[in-house]
Amino acid sequence: MSIFKHASEILEARVNHFLNKAEDPAETLDLSYEKMMESLQDSKRHLADVVTERISLENQMAQARKEADKAEADAKMALGAQREDLAKAALGEKEAALQKIASLQSAHDNVAAQAQKLTDYEQKLQERIEQFRTQKEVMKSQLEAAQSEIKVGESMTGIGNGLADAGDALRRAQDRTAQMQAKAQAMDGLMAAGVLSDPLDPRSQTDKDLDQLRASSGVDADLARLKAELAAQPPEKSAKDDDQPAT
């Protein structure tokens, strides 16, 4: 494969990709329908022209028949008046009228056949356009439903912008929360180790440790006192022992 052919194929692929992304199928269907309607209107105009020509030929034939009938009547009148020369002249006009009628009839037959073909073509075209219009509306509905389904799928899977942005925001919030929790634990550890101190507490770390020891010792002493008091109390008699008779 030559480099020029390869470059041409790449360019063609990119153009097709661009056209596929830029083309709206619904608009393409509507445009095709409009073109078919334009074709139908053109067919109607051609049919109207042909029918007009046919009617014109029919009118000319009717006029030629009148001329032939008049010429024959004139020939009869001339023979009745013993004017054979006038009768021949009138019959010559009749023959010319009949030849004109034959010529007009031939043209009329051709035009009438063409008009019938155009009528049949227009009828079939109109039926085909109606079928296409129905199919077009069905396809547009299916296309719209498919596009809606794709949008929902993109949103649910994160391909679209909406849920993807929400997912990114949630992940950032989770990361930020984890960082803040780690920092809080570190602060607690540093304060417990005495590295950091409460600015509102003027005691030194030694004083804090001693106060904590005193508090712990006080709690232990109080607990020992309560245990001793409980041990010194006599056991209480139960109600069952009171009901027994003395022996």
Protein backbone atom coordinates (compact mmCIF):
# COMPACT_ATOMS: atom_id res chain seq x y z
CA MET A 1 0.00 0.00 0.00
CA SER A 2 1.42 3.36 -1.01
CA ILE A 3 1.72 6.18 1.48
CA PHE A 4 -0.71 8.31 -0.53
CA LYS A 5 -3.39 5.60 -0.53
CA HIS A 6 -2.91 5.07 3.19
CA ALA A 7 -3.26 8.80 3.83
CA SER A 8 -6.37 8.90 1.62
CA GLU A 9 -7.98 6.06 3.61
CA ILE A 10 -7.20 7.78 6.89
CA LEU A 11 -8.74 11.04 5.62
CA GLU A 12 -11.83 9.22 4.37
CA ALA A 13 -12.25 7.44 7.70
CA ARG A 14 -12.01 10.72 9.59
CA VAL A 15 -14.52 12.40 7.27
CA ASN A 16 -16.96 9.50 7.68
CA HIS A 17 -16.48 9.64 11.46
CA PHE A 18 -17.20 13.36 11.44
CA LEU A 19 -20.29 12.94 9.26
CA ASN A 20 -21.62 10.12 11.45
CA LYS A 21 -21.26 12.31 14.56
CA ALA A 22 -22.63 15.43 12.88
CA GLU A 23 -25.56 13.76 11.10
CA ASP A 24 -28.90 13.69 12.87
CA PRO A 25 -30.87 10.62 11.65
CA ALA A 26 -34.21 12.27 12.44
CA GLU A 27 -33.32 15.32 10.37
CA THR A 28 -32.10 13.07 7.56
CA LEU A 29 -35.44 11.23 7.52
CA ASP A 30 -37.36 14.52 7.43
CA LEU A 31 -35.15 15.80 4.62
CA SER A 32 -35.73 12.61 2.60
CA TYR A 33 -39.47 13.00 3.12
CA GLU A 34 -39.33 16.60 1.92
CA LYS A 35 -37.43 15.56 -1.21
CA MET A 36 -40.01 12.87 -1.94
CA MET A 37 -42.79 15.44 -1.57
CA GLU A 38 -40.95 17.74 -3.97
CA SER A 39 -40.69 14.86 -6.44
CA LEU A 40 -44.43 14.25 -6.07
CA GLN A 41 -45.16 17.92 -6.78
CA ASP A 42 -42.95 17.78 -9.88
CA SER A 43 -44.83 14.70 -11.04
CA LYS A 44 -48.15 16.49 -10.54
CA ARG A 45 -46.92 19.46 -12.61
CA HIS A 46 -45.77 17.17 -15.43
CA LEU A 47 -49.08 15.35 -15.35
CA ALA A 48 -50.97 18.65 -15.47
CA ASP A 49 -48.94 19.74 -18.52
CA VAL A 50 -49.59 16.44 -20.31
CA VAL A 51 -53.31 16.49 -19.50
CA THR A 52 -53.46 20.09 -20.76
CA GLU A 53 -51.84 18.98 -24.02
CA ARG A 54 -54.29 16.09 -24.35
CA ILE A 55 -57.28 18.37 -23.84
CA SER A 56 -55.85 20.81 -26.39
CA LEU A 57 -55.55 17.99 -28.96
CA GLU A 58 -59.11 16.87 -28.22
CA ASN A 59 -60.36 20.42 -28.79
CA GLN A 60 -58.46 20.62 -32.09
CA MET A 61 -59.92 17.29 -33.23
CA ALA A 62 -63.43 18.46 -32.35
CA GLN A 63 -62.84 21.61 -34.39
CA ALA A 64 -61.48 19.54 -37.32
CA ARG A 65 -64.60 17.30 -37.22
CA LYS A 66 -66.79 20.37 -37.41
CA GLU A 67 -64.81 21.55 -40.42
CA ALA A 68 -65.15 18.12 -42.08
CA ASP A 69 -68.92 18.05 -41.42
CA LYS A 70 -69.27 21.58 -42.81
CA ALA A 71 -67.26 20.70 -45.90
CA GLU A 72 -69.46 17.67 -46.59
CA ALA A 73 -72.60 19.77 -46.14
CA ASP A 74 -71.14 22.36 -48.56
CA ALA A 75 -70.40 19.61 -51.13
CA LYS A 76 -73.99 18.37 -50.94
CA MET A 77 -75.29 21.89 -51.35
CA ALA A 78 -72.99 22.47 -54.36
CA LEU A 79 -74.14 19.26 -56.06
CA GLY A 80 -77.74 20.28 -55.48
CA ALA A 81 -76.99 23.53 -57.26
CA GLN A 82 -75.25 21.67 -60.13
CA ARG A 83 -71.87 23.07 -59.07
CA GLU A 84 -69.65 20.02 -59.19
CA ASP A 85 -66.51 22.13 -59.07
CA LEU A 86 -67.57 23.63 -55.75
CA ALA A 87 -68.53 20.17 -54.50
CA LYS A 88 -65.01 18.87 -55.30
CA ALA A 89 -63.42 21.83 -53.55
CA ALA A 90 -65.57 21.25 -50.49
CA LEU A 91 -64.69 17.54 -50.50
CA GLY A 92 -61.02 18.49 -50.72
CA GLU A 93 -61.42 20.59 -47.57
CA LYS A 94 -63.16 17.65 -45.93
CA GLU A 95 -60.26 15.34 -46.80
CA ALA A 96 -57.75 17.83 -45.37
CA ALA A 97 -59.82 18.03 -42.16
CA LEU A 98 -59.92 14.23 -41.92
CA GLN A 99 -56.16 14.00 -42.38
CA LYS A 100 -55.73 16.61 -39.68
CA ILE A 101 -57.99 14.60 -37.40
CA ALA A 102 -55.91 11.44 -38.03
CA SER A 103 -52.69 13.27 -37.23
CA LEU A 104 -54.21 14.82 -34.12
CA GLN A 105 -55.59 11.44 -33.05
CA SER A 106 -52.15 9.84 -33.27
CA ALA A 107 -50.64 12.60 -31.16
CA HIS A 108 -53.58 12.38 -28.79
CA ASP A 109 -53.09 8.63 -28.31
CA ASN A 110 -49.42 9.14 -27.45
CA VAL A 111 -50.19 11.94 -25.04
CA ALA A 112 -53.06 10.00 -23.47
CA ALA A 113 -50.75 7.01 -22.90
CA GLN A 114 -48.15 9.29 -21.34
CA ALA A 115 -50.81 10.86 -19.12
CA GLN A 116 -51.91 7.42 -17.95
CA LYS A 117 -48.31 6.45 -17.14
CA LEU A 118 -47.81 9.65 -15.18
CA THR A 119 -51.10 9.06 -13.35
CA ASP A 120 -50.04 5.54 -12.39
CA TYR A 121 -46.58 6.77 -11.38
CA GLU A 122 -48.05 9.56 -9.26
CA GLN A 123 -50.40 7.14 -7.55
CA LYS A 124 -47.60 4.70 -6.74
CA LEU A 125 -45.31 7.51 -5.63
CA GLN A 126 -48.00 8.90 -3.35
CA GLU A 127 -48.55 5.46 -1.80
CA ARG A 128 -44.79 5.01 -1.35
CA ILE A 129 -44.48 8.43 0.26
CA GLU A 130 -47.29 7.62 2.67
CA GLN A 131 -45.58 4.36 3.60
CA PHE A 132 -42.28 6.18 4.06
CA ARG A 133 -43.97 8.82 6.23
CA THR A 134 -45.37 6.11 8.52
CA GLN A 135 -42.02 4.31 8.68
CA LYS A 136 -40.29 7.64 9.30
CA GLU A 137 -42.43 8.46 12.31
CA VAL A 138 -41.96 4.95 13.72
CA MET A 139 -38.20 5.14 13.24
CA LYS A 140 -38.02 8.59 14.80
CA SER A 141 -39.93 7.33 17.83
CA GLN A 142 -37.62 4.32 18.13
CA LEU A 143 -34.59 6.57 17.67
CA GLU A 144 -35.75 8.97 20.35
CA ALA A 145 -36.40 6.08 22.74
CA ALA A 146 -32.96 4.61 22.01
CA GLN A 147 -31.28 7.96 22.56
CA SER A 148 -33.10 8.39 25.88
CA GLU A 149 -32.04 4.89 26.93
CA ILE A 150 -28.43 5.63 25.99
CA LYS A 151 -28.47 8.87 27.99
CA VAL A 152 -29.87 7.07 31.03
CA GLY A 153 -27.29 4.30 30.64
CA GLU A 154 -24.48 6.82 30.33
CA SER A 155 -25.67 8.61 33.44
CA MET A 156 -25.98 5.39 35.44
CA THR A 157 -22.57 4.05 34.36
CA GLY A 158 -20.77 7.36 34.78
CA ILE A 159 -20.09 7.80 31.05
CA GLY A 160 -22.26 10.89 30.99
CA ASN A 161 -21.36 14.12 32.71
CA GLY A 162 -24.03 14.22 35.42
CA LEU A 163 -23.33 11.11 37.47
CA ALA A 164 -19.61 11.19 36.67
CA ASP A 165 -19.33 14.64 38.24
CA ALA A 166 -21.36 13.47 41.25
CA GLY A 167 -19.10 10.43 41.60
CA ASP A 168 -15.98 12.59 41.45
CA ALA A 169 -17.41 14.94 44.06
CA LEU A 170 -18.25 12.00 46.33
CA ARG A 171 -14.75 10.56 45.98
CA ARG A 172 -13.18 13.95 46.73
CA ALA A 173 -15.38 14.31 49.82
CA GLN A 174 -14.42 10.83 51.00
CA ASP A 175 -10.72 11.55 50.50
CA ARG A 176 -11.05 14.86 52.32
CA THR A 177 -12.90 13.21 55.21
CA ALA A 178 -10.23 10.50 55.50
CA GLN A 179 -7.50 13.15 55.55
CA MET A 180 -9.29 15.14 58.25
CA GLN A 181 -9.86 12.01 60.38
CA ALA A 182 -6.18 11.07 60.07
CA LYS A 183 -5.18 14.60 61.06
CA ALA A 184 -7.52 14.52 64.07
CA GLN A 185 -6.01 11.20 65.23
CA ALA A 186 -2.53 12.62 64.80
CA MET A 187 -3.46 15.70 66.82
CA ASP A 188 -4.89 13.54 69.62
CA GLY A 189 -1.72 11.46 69.67
CA LEU A 190 0.53 14.50 69.76
CA MET A 191 -1.49 16.11 72.51
CA ALA A 192 -1.45 12.88 74.53
CA ALA A 193 2.30 12.63 74.07
CA GLY A 194 2.75 16.21 75.19
CA VAL A 195 4.13 17.39 71.87
CA LEU A 196 1.16 19.71 71.46
CA SER A 197 -0.55 21.51 74.36
CA ASP A 198 -3.86 23.18 74.90
CA PRO A 199 -3.24 26.97 74.82
CA LEU A 200 -6.05 27.43 77.37
CA ASP A 201 -4.44 24.98 79.84
CA PRO A 202 -1.44 26.65 81.63
CA ARG A 203 -0.30 23.41 83.30
CA SER A 204 2.95 21.75 82.34
CA GLN A 205 3.01 18.18 81.09
CA THR A 206 4.32 17.02 84.50
CA ASP A 207 1.40 18.70 86.26
CA LYS A 208 -1.02 17.09 83.83
CA ASP A 209 0.45 13.64 84.44
CA LEU A 210 0.33 14.15 88.24
CA ASP A 211 -3.28 15.36 88.09
CA GLN A 212 -4.21 12.35 86.02
CA LEU A 213 -2.43 10.05 88.50
CA ARG A 214 -4.26 11.69 91.43
CA ALA A 215 -7.59 11.31 89.70
CA SER A 216 -6.88 7.65 89.02
CA SER A 217 -5.73 7.06 92.62
CA GLY A 218 -8.81 8.80 93.97
CA VAL A 219 -11.09 6.60 91.91
CA ASP A 220 -9.26 3.44 93.05
CA ALA A 221 -9.48 4.49 96.74
CA ASP A 222 -13.18 5.29 96.43
CA LEU A 223 -13.80 1.91 94.79
CA ALA A 224 -11.95 0.09 97.61
CA ARG A 225 -14.02 1.97 100.23
CA LEU A 226 -17.30 0.91 98.62
CA LYS A 227 -16.18 -2.71 98.50
CA ALA A 228 -15.25 -2.63 102.21
CA GLU A 229 -18.60 -1.12 103.18
CA LEU A 230 -20.49 -3.79 101.26
CA ALA A 231 -18.44 -6.54 102.84
CA ALA A 232 -19.15 -5.21 106.39
CA GLN A 233 -22.94 -5.26 105.98
CA PRO A 234 -24.79 -8.38 107.35
CA PRO A 235 -26.66 -10.50 104.81
CA GLU A 236 -30.36 -9.69 104.43
CA LYS A 237 -32.96 -12.33 105.37
CA SER A 238 -35.17 -13.51 102.58
CA ALA A 239 -38.98 -13.66 102.83
CA LYS A 240 -38.85 -17.47 102.67
CA ASP A 241 -36.73 -17.64 105.83
CA ASP A 242 -39.23 -15.42 107.74
CA ASP A 243 -42.17 -17.72 106.96
CA GLN A 244 -40.53 -20.84 108.45
CA PRO A 245 -41.76 -21.67 112.12
CA ALA A 246 -39.26 -21.59 114.92
CA THR A 247 -38.19 -24.96 116.31
